[in-house]
Amino acid sequence: MLNRKMKKNRNGLLEFFSNSHPDRDYIIMHKANEFTSICPKTGQPDFGIITITYIAARKCVELKSLKLYLQSYRNEGIFYENAINIILDDLISVLKPKWMEVRGEFSVRGGLNSTIIAAYGKK
């Protein structure tokens, strides 16, 4: 399982650029349709859709770095709840947004599908 002390921004993968309109509250939404991690209990792959929605302050996430960051979970044994909260924590630490939500919609396994939502700030 992912060690919280080692995870800080997954080795610096996340990059950003300056928000051109920091005085305007507008919503940015990124959807990653091919998120993959490993179930720490069974060792089987988990598949999900990760949606990151936020109101930027001064920084916006750079998309190639976001893609590489999310792909870094591919071989990670991690529970859904932990993954979503770590993704949120990492993005908050880099971007310092006004508001952010990370939603993970995971594929059916054993007749159950799961949606995990973690949020920060006021919309």
Protein backbone atom coordinates (compact mmCIF):
# COMPACT_ATOMS: atom_id res chain seq x y z
CA MET A 1 0.00 0.00 0.00
CA LEU A 2 1.11 3.55 -0.70
CA ASN A 3 3.20 5.03 2.10
CA ARG A 4 1.92 8.54 2.93
CA LYS A 5 5.46 9.78 3.65
CA MET A 6 6.70 8.64 0.24
CA LYS A 7 3.74 9.83 -1.78
CA LYS A 8 4.21 13.60 -1.66
CA ASN A 9 3.13 14.53 -5.18
CA ARG A 10 4.21 11.09 -6.46
CA ASN A 11 7.83 12.17 -6.93
CA GLY A 12 7.05 15.62 -8.32
CA LEU A 13 5.06 14.48 -11.36
CA LEU A 14 2.39 17.20 -11.12
CA GLU A 15 3.16 20.46 -12.91
CA PHE A 16 1.14 23.64 -13.26
CA PHE A 17 0.83 26.87 -15.21
CA SER A 18 -0.48 30.29 -14.17
CA ASN A 19 -4.22 30.87 -14.28
CA SER A 20 -4.85 33.68 -16.78
CA HIS A 21 -8.10 34.65 -15.02
CA PRO A 22 -7.49 34.32 -11.25
CA ASP A 23 -10.17 36.91 -10.41
CA ARG A 24 -12.92 34.94 -12.13
CA ASP A 25 -14.42 31.80 -10.62
CA TYR A 26 -14.84 29.28 -13.42
CA ILE A 27 -14.97 25.52 -13.32
CA ILE A 28 -12.27 23.33 -14.83
CA MET A 29 -13.07 19.63 -15.29
CA HIS A 30 -10.70 16.87 -16.36
CA LYS A 31 -11.86 13.29 -16.86
CA ALA A 32 -9.47 10.33 -17.02
CA ASN A 33 -11.39 7.38 -18.44
CA GLU A 34 -8.65 4.77 -18.01
CA PHE A 35 -7.50 4.94 -14.38
CA THR A 36 -5.98 1.67 -13.22
CA SER A 37 -4.66 0.50 -9.87
CA ILE A 38 -4.33 -2.83 -8.08
CA CYS A 39 -6.67 -4.18 -5.40
CA PRO A 40 -4.46 -4.59 -2.32
CA LYS A 41 -6.59 -7.50 -1.10
CA THR A 42 -6.76 -9.65 -4.26
CA GLY A 43 -3.95 -8.33 -6.46
CA GLN A 44 -6.44 -7.96 -9.31
CA PRO A 45 -6.53 -4.79 -11.44
CA ASP A 46 -9.10 -2.13 -10.63
CA PHE A 47 -10.44 0.15 -13.35
CA GLY A 48 -12.14 3.48 -12.95
CA ILE A 49 -12.96 6.90 -14.26
CA ILE A 50 -11.41 9.78 -12.33
CA THR A 51 -13.05 13.20 -12.67
CA ILE A 52 -11.21 16.20 -11.27
CA THR A 53 -13.27 19.37 -11.02
CA TYR A 54 -11.95 22.60 -9.55
CA ILE A 55 -12.05 26.36 -9.33
CA ALA A 56 -8.49 27.56 -9.77
CA ALA A 57 -6.87 30.28 -7.71
CA ARG A 58 -3.49 31.15 -9.25
CA LYS A 59 -2.51 27.78 -10.77
CA CYS A 60 -3.96 25.23 -13.20
CA VAL A 61 -2.72 21.66 -13.58
CA GLU A 62 -0.75 20.85 -16.73
CA LEU A 63 -2.50 17.95 -18.49
CA LYS A 64 0.45 15.81 -19.57
CA SER A 65 1.78 15.82 -16.02
CA LEU A 66 -1.71 14.94 -14.71
CA LYS A 67 -1.86 12.00 -17.11
CA LEU A 68 1.56 10.72 -16.00
CA TYR A 69 0.62 11.26 -12.36
CA LEU A 70 -2.57 9.20 -12.69
CA GLN A 71 -0.72 6.49 -14.63
CA SER A 72 1.71 6.17 -11.72
CA TYR A 73 -1.05 4.36 -9.81
CA ARG A 74 -1.14 1.54 -12.40
CA ASN A 75 0.88 -0.97 -10.34
CA GLU A 76 -0.04 0.44 -6.92
CA GLY A 77 -1.90 -1.72 -4.42
CA ILE A 78 -4.35 0.81 -3.01
CA PHE A 79 -7.97 0.96 -1.89
CA TYR A 80 -10.30 3.27 -3.86
CA GLU A 81 -10.95 5.53 -0.89
CA ASN A 82 -7.25 6.03 -0.25
CA ALA A 83 -6.44 6.69 -3.90
CA ILE A 84 -9.10 9.39 -4.29
CA ASN A 85 -8.09 11.17 -1.10
CA ILE A 86 -4.37 11.06 -1.96
CA ILE A 87 -5.07 12.42 -5.45
CA LEU A 88 -7.06 15.26 -3.87
CA ASP A 89 -4.30 15.97 -1.31
CA ASP A 90 -1.59 16.03 -3.97
CA LEU A 91 -3.55 18.35 -6.26
CA ILE A 92 -4.37 20.70 -3.38
CA SER A 93 -0.71 20.84 -2.32
CA VAL A 94 0.40 21.81 -5.83
CA LEU A 95 -2.48 24.01 -7.03
CA LYS A 96 -3.97 25.50 -3.84
CA PRO A 97 -7.37 25.84 -5.56
CA LYS A 98 -10.38 27.75 -4.28
CA TRP A 99 -12.44 24.56 -4.51
CA MET A 100 -11.81 21.03 -5.77
CA GLU A 101 -13.60 17.70 -6.07
CA VAL A 102 -12.10 14.37 -7.08
CA ARG A 103 -14.57 11.65 -8.06
CA GLY A 104 -13.66 8.05 -8.75
CA GLU A 105 -16.23 5.80 -10.44
CA PHE A 106 -14.90 2.27 -10.33
CA SER A 107 -15.94 -0.69 -12.49
CA VAL A 108 -18.16 -3.47 -11.26
CA ARG A 109 -16.39 -6.17 -9.27
CA GLY A 110 -18.30 -8.98 -7.61
CA GLY A 111 -21.60 -7.36 -8.51
CA LEU A 112 -20.71 -4.03 -6.86
CA ASN A 113 -19.49 -0.78 -8.28
CA SER A 114 -18.19 2.06 -6.14
CA THR A 115 -18.11 5.83 -6.45
CA ILE A 116 -15.83 7.76 -4.11
CA ILE A 117 -16.02 11.57 -3.89
CA ALA A 118 -13.64 13.78 -1.91
CA ALA A 119 -13.88 17.57 -1.86
CA TYR A 120 -12.00 20.61 -0.59
CA GLY A 121 -13.07 24.22 0.00
CA LYS A 122 -16.28 26.02 -0.89
CA LYS A 123 -17.76 26.01 -4.37
